[in-house]
Amino acid sequence: MKLEGKVALITGGSSGIGKATVLAFARAGARVIGADIDMERGAAVAREAQAEGLAVEVVAIDLSSSDSIRKCAAEVLARYPRLDILVNAAGYSAVEAFASNKPGYIDQVVAINLGGTLHLTQALLPGLIASGKGKIVNVASDAGRVGSSGETAYAAAKGGVIAFTKSLAREVARHSICVNCVCPGPTDTPMLRSRPEKMLDAFLKAIPFKRFAEPREIADAILFFASPRSDYITAQVLSVSGGLTFAG
């Protein structure tokens, strides 16, 4: 799957699934902009890519702040009036019973996982329309499809991302923009490794493949939706979970 000549912006590009996607897209020939709140780690990813001769830039974004999002989008569109691909890959959650969630935590989870995706996508739509055949890939979660105990606010936000994907796909089809969603199951990222050991053991027992996904395996699904091989696919939700959610 090749992306030569394409310009792509990927949020959460400094680690986990976002980093794997940045590198996969760059290796496929795209010019990639990694957007993240952690500019130090983002710059390290850019250096890693540049050591391979790949085209990767970084830009600062705080997905919990609409002002930061609009500033980031304006900066990107000033550099590249045409944007071919947007990947909303950033995510955030902690494990805690919903009854114990503090209001500030709920607000932050919804802002980063759902609000940030909405604001950034809206701000970048002019560039995606200008591309003539834009691609938007939202990274939700199987938690948004089937629920996840201890991650109720996160599941609600990611469920919103799934609904947003389907609705936006209808609105922008007239501009030949494809909008699809990848829903990872448990993936070997820093966020997963922060979970309690009991939770990790329960996941491993429940996953038919008996292992966690590698970030690159999620990136491969995102790459498919961003590539010309999916030009006639839109409003779809793909679970990449090793069979964990057969019934979802």
C-alpha atoms as a PDB file:
ATOM      1  CA  MET A   1       0.000   0.000   0.000  1.00  0.00           C
ATOM      2  CA  LYS A   2       1.639   3.191  -1.203  1.00  0.00           C
ATOM      3  CA  LEU A   3       1.057   6.801  -0.179  1.00  0.00           C
ATOM      4  CA  GLU A   4       3.569   8.610  -2.393  1.00  0.00           C
ATOM      5  CA  GLY A   5       2.819  12.302  -2.732  1.00  0.00           C
ATOM      6  CA  LYS A   6       0.294  12.287   0.114  1.00  0.00           C
ATOM      7  CA  VAL A   7       0.312  14.630   3.104  1.00  0.00           C
ATOM      8  CA  ALA A   8      -0.963  13.074   6.336  1.00  0.00           C
ATOM      9  CA  LEU A   9      -1.548  14.418   9.837  1.00  0.00           C
ATOM     10  CA  ILE A  10      -1.612  11.877  12.676  1.00  0.00           C
ATOM     11  CA  THR A  11      -2.495  12.765  16.264  1.00  0.00           C
ATOM     12  CA  GLY A  12      -0.888  10.995  19.185  1.00  0.00           C
ATOM     13  CA  GLY A  13       2.149  10.473  16.994  1.00  0.00           C
ATOM     14  CA  SER A  14       4.766  10.301  19.743  1.00  0.00           C
ATOM     15  CA  SER A  15       3.989   6.834  21.118  1.00  0.00           C
ATOM     16  CA  GLY A  16       1.979   3.641  20.831  1.00  0.00           C
ATOM     17  CA  ILE A  17      -0.412   3.271  17.916  1.00  0.00           C
ATOM     18  CA  GLY A  18       0.154   6.866  16.792  1.00  0.00           C
ATOM     19  CA  LYS A  19       3.933   6.412  16.536  1.00  0.00           C
ATOM     20  CA  ALA A  20       3.547   3.120  14.676  1.00  0.00           C
ATOM     21  CA  THR A  21       1.177   4.828  12.251  1.00  0.00           C
ATOM     22  CA  VAL A  22       3.532   7.769  11.682  1.00  0.00           C
ATOM     23  CA  LEU A  23       6.350   5.386  10.755  1.00  0.00           C
ATOM     24  CA  ALA A  24       4.122   3.115   8.637  1.00  0.00           C
ATOM     25  CA  PHE A  25       2.786   6.059   6.630  1.00  0.00           C
ATOM     26  CA  ALA A  26       6.236   7.556   6.147  1.00  0.00           C
ATOM     27  CA  ARG A  27       7.588   4.198   4.959  1.00  0.00           C
ATOM     28  CA  ALA A  28       4.677   4.047   2.514  1.00  0.00           C
ATOM     29  CA  GLY A  29       5.871   7.324   0.998  1.00  0.00           C
ATOM     30  CA  ALA A  30       3.712   9.950   2.706  1.00  0.00           C
ATOM     31  CA  ARG A  31       4.912  13.247   4.126  1.00  0.00           C
ATOM     32  CA  VAL A  32       3.736  12.899   7.723  1.00  0.00           C
ATOM     33  CA  ILE A  33       2.962  15.487  10.381  1.00  0.00           C
ATOM     34  CA  GLY A  34       2.838  14.003  13.859  1.00  0.00           C
ATOM     35  CA  ALA A  35       0.707  16.080  16.228  1.00  0.00           C
ATOM     36  CA  ASP A  36       1.169  15.563  19.950  1.00  0.00           C
ATOM     37  CA  ILE A  37       1.225  17.369  23.266  1.00  0.00           C
ATOM     38  CA  ASP A  38       4.614  15.780  24.059  1.00  0.00           C
ATOM     39  CA  MET A  39       6.921  17.592  21.658  1.00  0.00           C
ATOM     40  CA  GLU A  40      10.066  16.041  23.125  1.00  0.00           C
ATOM     41  CA  ARG A  41       8.943  12.503  22.323  1.00  0.00           C
ATOM     42  CA  GLY A  42       7.486  13.711  19.026  1.00  0.00           C
ATOM     43  CA  ALA A  43      10.864  15.137  18.025  1.00  0.00           C
ATOM     44  CA  ALA A  44      12.486  11.799  18.923  1.00  0.00           C
ATOM     45  CA  VAL A  45      10.072  10.020  16.558  1.00  0.00           C
ATOM     46  CA  ALA A  46      10.909  12.534  13.814  1.00  0.00           C
ATOM     47  CA  ARG A  47      14.648  11.893  14.315  1.00  0.00           C
ATOM     48  CA  GLU A  48      14.055   8.133  14.182  1.00  0.00           C
ATOM     49  CA  ALA A  49      12.169   8.559  10.923  1.00  0.00           C
ATOM     50  CA  GLN A  50      14.733  10.923   9.436  1.00  0.00           C
ATOM     51  CA  ALA A  51      17.477   8.387  10.194  1.00  0.00           C
ATOM     52  CA  GLU A  52      15.629   6.113   7.742  1.00  0.00           C
ATOM     53  CA  GLY A  53      15.361   8.928   5.212  1.00  0.00           C
ATOM     54  CA  LEU A  54      11.656   9.418   5.882  1.00  0.00           C
ATOM     55  CA  ALA A  55       9.694  12.692   5.771  1.00  0.00           C
ATOM     56  CA  VAL A  56       8.232  13.340   9.239  1.00  0.00           C
ATOM     57  CA  GLU A  57       7.501  16.672  10.939  1.00  0.00           C
ATOM     58  CA  VAL A  58       6.018  17.407  14.348  1.00  0.00           C
ATOM     59  CA  VAL A  59       3.514  19.991  15.515  1.00  0.00           C
ATOM     60  CA  ALA A  60       2.202  20.770  18.987  1.00  0.00           C
ATOM     61  CA  ILE A  61      -1.411  20.097  19.914  1.00  0.00           C
ATOM     62  CA  ASP A  62      -3.418  19.826  23.125  1.00  0.00           C
ATOM     63  CA  LEU A  63      -6.560  17.915  22.216  1.00  0.00           C
ATOM     64  CA  SER A  64      -8.296  19.032  25.402  1.00  0.00           C
ATOM     65  CA  SER A  65      -8.125  22.672  24.232  1.00  0.00           C
ATOM     66  CA  SER A  66     -10.139  23.877  21.245  1.00  0.00           C
ATOM     67  CA  ASP A  67      -7.859  26.940  21.008  1.00  0.00           C
ATOM     68  CA  SER A  68      -4.768  24.724  20.733  1.00  0.00           C
ATOM     69  CA  ILE A  69      -6.499  22.559  18.148  1.00  0.00           C
ATOM     70  CA  ARG A  70      -7.483  25.513  15.969  1.00  0.00           C
ATOM     71  CA  LYS A  71      -3.963  26.950  16.234  1.00  0.00           C
ATOM     72  CA  CYS A  72      -2.459  23.610  15.188  1.00  0.00           C
ATOM     73  CA  ALA A  73      -4.858  23.271  12.251  1.00  0.00           C
ATOM     74  CA  ALA A  74      -4.093  26.799  11.057  1.00  0.00           C
ATOM     75  CA  GLU A  75      -0.364  26.086  11.214  1.00  0.00           C
ATOM     76  CA  VAL A  76      -0.737  22.857   9.247  1.00  0.00           C
ATOM     77  CA  LEU A  77      -2.951  24.439   6.574  1.00  0.00           C
ATOM     78  CA  ALA A  78      -0.501  27.328   6.232  1.00  0.00           C
ATOM     79  CA  ARG A  79       2.233  24.803   5.428  1.00  0.00           C
ATOM     80  CA  TYR A  80       0.058  22.490   3.352  1.00  0.00           C
ATOM     81  CA  PRO A  81      -3.152  23.987   1.911  1.00  0.00           C
ATOM     82  CA  ARG A  82      -3.987  20.472   0.719  1.00  0.00           C
ATOM     83  CA  LEU A  83      -4.232  17.689   3.293  1.00  0.00           C
ATOM     84  CA  ASP A  84      -4.806  14.179   1.969  1.00  0.00           C
ATOM     85  CA  ILE A  85      -5.149  12.126   5.160  1.00  0.00           C
ATOM     86  CA  LEU A  86      -6.174  12.811   8.750  1.00  0.00           C
ATOM     87  CA  VAL A  87      -5.738  10.103  11.379  1.00  0.00           C
ATOM     88  CA  ASN A  88      -7.275  10.841  14.780  1.00  0.00           C
ATOM     89  CA  ALA A  89      -5.219   8.324  16.759  1.00  0.00           C
ATOM     90  CA  ALA A  90      -4.676  10.025  20.124  1.00  0.00           C
ATOM     91  CA  GLY A  91      -6.397   8.590  23.174  1.00  0.00           C
ATOM     92  CA  TYR A  92      -6.401   8.806  26.941  1.00  0.00           C
ATOM     93  CA  SER A  93      -7.980   6.920  29.838  1.00  0.00           C
ATOM     94  CA  ALA A  94      -7.358   5.488  33.271  1.00  0.00           C
ATOM     95  CA  VAL A  95      -8.979   2.500  34.972  1.00  0.00           C
ATOM     96  CA  GLU A  96     -11.461   3.376  37.699  1.00  0.00           C
ATOM     97  CA  ALA A  97     -15.074   2.594  38.525  1.00  0.00           C
ATOM     98  CA  PHE A  98     -17.371   5.183  36.965  1.00  0.00           C
ATOM     99  CA  ALA A  99     -18.896   5.985  40.365  1.00  0.00           C
ATOM    100  CA  SER A 100     -15.440   7.140  41.514  1.00  0.00           C
ATOM    101  CA  ASN A 101     -14.646   9.311  38.471  1.00  0.00           C
ATOM    102  CA  LYS A 102     -14.017  12.954  39.348  1.00  0.00           C
ATOM    103  CA  PRO A 103     -15.853  15.512  37.147  1.00  0.00           C
ATOM    104  CA  GLY A 104     -12.541  16.875  35.883  1.00  0.00           C
ATOM    105  CA  TYR A 105     -11.434  13.414  34.792  1.00  0.00           C
ATOM    106  CA  ILE A 106     -14.682  12.818  32.887  1.00  0.00           C
ATOM    107  CA  ASP A 107     -14.344  16.184  31.162  1.00  0.00           C
ATOM    108  CA  GLN A 108     -10.737  15.439  30.181  1.00  0.00           C
ATOM    109  CA  VAL A 109     -11.500  11.968  28.816  1.00  0.00           C
ATOM    110  CA  VAL A 110     -14.401  13.237  26.717  1.00  0.00           C
ATOM    111  CA  ALA A 111     -12.419  16.273  25.528  1.00  0.00           C
ATOM    112  CA  ILE A 112      -9.345  14.326  24.396  1.00  0.00           C
ATOM    113  CA  ASN A 113     -11.051  11.247  22.959  1.00  0.00           C
ATOM    114  CA  LEU A 114     -14.130  12.824  21.388  1.00  0.00           C
ATOM    115  CA  GLY A 115     -14.080  16.619  21.489  1.00  0.00           C
ATOM    116  CA  GLY A 116     -10.554  16.839  20.134  1.00  0.00           C
ATOM    117  CA  THR A 117     -11.428  14.580  17.227  1.00  0.00           C
ATOM    118  CA  LEU A 118     -14.467  16.698  16.349  1.00  0.00           C
ATOM    119  CA  HIS A 119     -12.692  20.053  16.608  1.00  0.00           C
ATOM    120  CA  LEU A 120      -9.585  18.993  14.670  1.00  0.00           C
ATOM    121  CA  THR A 121     -11.533  17.286  11.907  1.00  0.00           C
ATOM    122  CA  GLN A 122     -13.763  20.311  11.437  1.00  0.00           C
ATOM    123  CA  ALA A 123     -10.791  22.682  11.362  1.00  0.00           C
ATOM    124  CA  LEU A 124      -8.967  20.588   8.754  1.00  0.00           C
ATOM    125  CA  LEU A 125     -11.934  19.882   6.481  1.00  0.00           C
ATOM    126  CA  PRO A 126     -11.033  22.696   4.031  1.00  0.00           C
ATOM    127  CA  GLY A 127      -7.646  21.076   3.406  1.00  0.00           C
ATOM    128  CA  LEU A 128      -9.174  17.619   3.056  1.00  0.00           C
ATOM    129  CA  ILE A 129     -11.773  18.904   0.595  1.00  0.00           C
ATOM    130  CA  ALA A 130      -9.008  20.608  -1.390  1.00  0.00           C
ATOM    131  CA  SER A 131      -7.235  17.269  -1.806  1.00  0.00           C
ATOM    132  CA  GLY A 132     -10.079  16.042  -4.032  1.00  0.00           C
ATOM    133  CA  LYS A 133     -10.092  12.605  -2.440  1.00  0.00           C
ATOM    134  CA  GLY A 134      -9.402  12.922   1.271  1.00  0.00           C
ATOM    135  CA  LYS A 135      -9.230  10.149   3.836  1.00  0.00           C
ATOM    136  CA  ILE A 136     -10.177  10.406   7.504  1.00  0.00           C
ATOM    137  CA  VAL A 137      -9.398   7.475   9.774  1.00  0.00           C
ATOM    138  CA  ASN A 138     -10.635   7.666  13.349  1.00  0.00           C
ATOM    139  CA  VAL A 139      -9.133   5.374  15.959  1.00  0.00           C
ATOM    140  CA  ALA A 140     -11.817   4.490  18.480  1.00  0.00           C
ATOM    141  CA  SER A 141     -11.701   1.325  20.604  1.00  0.00           C
ATOM    142  CA  ASP A 142     -13.545  -1.915  21.056  1.00  0.00           C
ATOM    143  CA  ALA A 143     -14.480  -0.388  24.416  1.00  0.00           C
ATOM    144  CA  GLY A 144     -16.707   1.930  22.361  1.00  0.00           C
ATOM    145  CA  ARG A 145     -18.332  -1.042  20.622  1.00  0.00           C
ATOM    146  CA  VAL A 146     -18.944  -3.438  23.497  1.00  0.00           C
ATOM    147  CA  GLY A 147     -18.060  -1.533  26.693  1.00  0.00           C
ATOM    148  CA  SER A 148     -15.196  -1.954  29.142  1.00  0.00           C
ATOM    149  CA  SER A 149     -15.518  -2.219  32.910  1.00  0.00           C
ATOM    150  CA  GLY A 150     -13.497   0.485  34.620  1.00  0.00           C
ATOM    151  CA  GLU A 151     -13.386   2.602  31.454  1.00  0.00           C
ATOM    152  CA  THR A 152     -16.977   3.779  31.158  1.00  0.00           C
ATOM    153  CA  ALA A 153     -16.267   7.433  30.338  1.00  0.00           C
ATOM    154  CA  TYR A 154     -13.626   6.333  27.814  1.00  0.00           C
ATOM    155  CA  ALA A 155     -16.011   3.822  26.250  1.00  0.00           C
ATOM    156  CA  ALA A 156     -18.680   6.536  25.988  1.00  0.00           C
ATOM    157  CA  ALA A 157     -16.255   8.909  24.251  1.00  0.00           C
ATOM    158  CA  LYS A 158     -15.002   6.242  21.849  1.00  0.00           C
ATOM    159  CA  GLY A 159     -18.592   5.209  21.127  1.00  0.00           C
ATOM    160  CA  GLY A 160     -19.125   8.826  20.158  1.00  0.00           C
ATOM    161  CA  VAL A 161     -16.165   8.602  17.773  1.00  0.00           C
ATOM    162  CA  ILE A 162     -17.814   5.610  16.078  1.00  0.00           C
ATOM    163  CA  ALA A 163     -21.099   7.513  15.655  1.00  0.00           C
ATOM    164  CA  PHE A 164     -19.194  10.591  14.450  1.00  0.00           C
ATOM    165  CA  THR A 165     -17.442   8.468  11.827  1.00  0.00           C
ATOM    166  CA  LYS A 166     -20.698   7.172  10.377  1.00  0.00           C
ATOM    167  CA  SER A 167     -22.437  10.544  10.371  1.00  0.00           C
ATOM    168  CA  LEU A 168     -19.511  12.521   8.970  1.00  0.00           C
ATOM    169  CA  ALA A 169     -19.071   9.945   6.209  1.00  0.00           C
ATOM    170  CA  ARG A 170     -22.573  10.796   4.987  1.00  0.00           C
ATOM    171  CA  GLU A 171     -21.917  14.544   5.049  1.00  0.00           C
ATOM    172  CA  VAL A 172     -18.601  14.555   3.198  1.00  0.00           C
ATOM    173  CA  ALA A 173     -19.218  11.818   0.628  1.00  0.00           C
ATOM    174  CA  ARG A 174     -20.102  14.504  -1.907  1.00  0.00           C
ATOM    175  CA  HIS A 175     -16.500  15.705  -1.604  1.00  0.00           C
ATOM    176  CA  SER A 176     -15.180  12.164  -2.268  1.00  0.00           C
ATOM    177  CA  ILE A 177     -13.845  11.955   1.289  1.00  0.00           C
ATOM    178  CA  CYS A 178     -13.810   8.502   2.881  1.00  0.00           C
ATOM    179  CA  VAL A 179     -14.323   8.344   6.649  1.00  0.00           C
ATOM    180  CA  ASN A 180     -13.670   5.072   8.451  1.00  0.00           C
ATOM    181  CA  CYS A 181     -12.913   3.863  11.955  1.00  0.00           C
ATOM    182  CA  VAL A 182     -10.468   1.353  13.422  1.00  0.00           C
ATOM    183  CA  CYS A 183     -11.319  -0.122  16.822  1.00  0.00           C
ATOM    184  CA  PRO A 184      -8.281  -1.688  18.484  1.00  0.00           C
ATOM    185  CA  GLY A 185      -8.595  -4.292  21.165  1.00  0.00           C
ATOM    186  CA  PRO A 186      -5.923  -4.496  23.891  1.00  0.00           C
ATOM    187  CA  THR A 187      -2.690  -3.325  22.266  1.00  0.00           C
ATOM    188  CA  ASP A 188       0.821  -3.383  23.708  1.00  0.00           C
ATOM    189  CA  THR A 189       1.194   0.347  24.311  1.00  0.00           C
ATOM    190  CA  PRO A 190       2.287   2.430  27.318  1.00  0.00           C
ATOM    191  CA  MET A 191      -1.401   3.049  28.105  1.00  0.00           C
ATOM    192  CA  LEU A 192      -2.127  -0.681  28.265  1.00  0.00           C
ATOM    193  CA  ARG A 193       0.946  -1.372  30.403  1.00  0.00           C
ATOM    194  CA  SER A 194      -0.344   1.135  32.957  1.00  0.00           C
ATOM    195  CA  ARG A 195      -3.326  -1.130  33.631  1.00  0.00           C
ATOM    196  CA  PRO A 196      -3.527  -3.396  36.727  1.00  0.00           C
ATOM    197  CA  GLU A 197      -1.903  -6.809  36.319  1.00  0.00           C
ATOM    198  CA  LYS A 198      -5.214  -8.567  36.979  1.00  0.00           C
ATOM    199  CA  MET A 199      -6.816  -6.684  34.105  1.00  0.00           C
ATOM    200  CA  LEU A 200      -3.973  -7.629  31.739  1.00  0.00           C
ATOM    201  CA  ASP A 201      -4.242 -11.292  32.734  1.00  0.00           C
ATOM    202  CA  ALA A 202      -8.012 -11.239  32.162  1.00  0.00           C
ATOM    203  CA  PHE A 203      -7.507  -9.741  28.692  1.00  0.00           C
ATOM    204  CA  LEU A 204      -4.959 -12.384  27.738  1.00  0.00           C
ATOM    205  CA  LYS A 205      -7.276 -15.189  28.840  1.00  0.00           C
ATOM    206  CA  ALA A 206     -10.158 -13.710  26.832  1.00  0.00           C
ATOM    207  CA  ILE A 207      -8.270 -13.031  23.585  1.00  0.00           C
ATOM    208  CA  PRO A 208      -8.442 -16.113  21.322  1.00  0.00           C
ATOM    209  CA  PHE A 209      -4.905 -15.415  19.996  1.00  0.00           C
ATOM    210  CA  LYS A 210      -3.640 -15.268  23.611  1.00  0.00           C
ATOM    211  CA  ARG A 211      -1.534 -12.184  23.019  1.00  0.00           C
ATOM    212  CA  PHE A 212      -1.897  -8.434  22.783  1.00  0.00           C
ATOM    213  CA  ALA A 213      -1.829  -6.667  19.444  1.00  0.00           C
ATOM    214  CA  GLU A 214       1.386  -4.957  18.398  1.00  0.00           C
ATOM    215  CA  PRO A 215       0.949  -1.247  17.548  1.00  0.00           C
ATOM    216  CA  ARG A 216       2.139  -1.948  13.981  1.00  0.00           C
ATOM    217  CA  GLU A 217      -0.794  -4.344  13.513  1.00  0.00           C
ATOM    218  CA  ILE A 218      -3.236  -1.548  14.274  1.00  0.00           C
ATOM    219  CA  ALA A 219      -1.219   0.785  12.038  1.00  0.00           C
ATOM    220  CA  ASP A 220      -1.630  -1.701   9.163  1.00  0.00           C
ATOM    221  CA  ALA A 221      -5.432  -1.427   9.424  1.00  0.00           C
ATOM    222  CA  ILE A 222      -5.218   2.368   9.530  1.00  0.00           C
ATOM    223  CA  LEU A 223      -2.899   2.315   6.507  1.00  0.00           C
ATOM    224  CA  PHE A 224      -5.441   0.256   4.562  1.00  0.00           C
ATOM    225  CA  PHE A 225      -8.203   2.810   5.187  1.00  0.00           C
ATOM    226  CA  ALA A 226      -5.823   5.637   4.210  1.00  0.00           C
ATOM    227  CA  SER A 227      -4.643   3.964   1.016  1.00  0.00           C
ATOM    228  CA  PRO A 228      -6.172   3.879  -2.485  1.00  0.00           C
ATOM    229  CA  ARG A 229      -7.231   0.282  -1.783  1.00  0.00           C
ATOM    230  CA  SER A 230     -10.157   1.608   0.268  1.00  0.00           C
ATOM    231  CA  ASP A 231     -11.372   4.274  -2.172  1.00  0.00           C
ATOM    232  CA  TYR A 232     -14.877   2.765  -2.305  1.00  0.00           C
ATOM    233  CA  ILE A 233     -15.164   2.116   1.434  1.00  0.00           C
ATOM    234  CA  THR A 234     -16.653   4.621   3.864  1.00  0.00           C
ATOM    235  CA  ALA A 235     -18.537   4.721   7.195  1.00  0.00           C
ATOM    236  CA  GLN A 236     -17.082   1.361   8.227  1.00  0.00           C
ATOM    237  CA  VAL A 237     -15.905   0.243  11.665  1.00  0.00           C
ATOM    238  CA  LEU A 238     -13.150  -2.390  11.804  1.00  0.00           C
ATOM    239  CA  SER A 239     -12.331  -4.254  15.008  1.00  0.00           C
ATOM    240  CA  VAL A 240      -8.679  -5.310  15.315  1.00  0.00           C
ATOM    241  CA  SER A 241      -8.789  -7.332  18.502  1.00  0.00           C
ATOM    242  CA  GLY A 242      -7.500 -10.853  17.921  1.00  0.00           C
ATOM    243  CA  GLY A 243     -11.063 -12.126  18.082  1.00  0.00           C
ATOM    244  CA  LEU A 244     -11.749 -10.697  21.551  1.00  0.00           C
ATOM    245  CA  THR A 245     -15.096  -9.207  20.508  1.00  0.00           C
ATOM    246  CA  PHE A 246     -16.531 -11.867  18.209  1.00  0.00           C
ATOM    247  CA  ALA A 247     -20.034 -11.028  19.431  1.00  0.00           C
ATOM    248  CA  GLY A 248     -19.609  -7.262  19.425  1.00  0.00           C
END
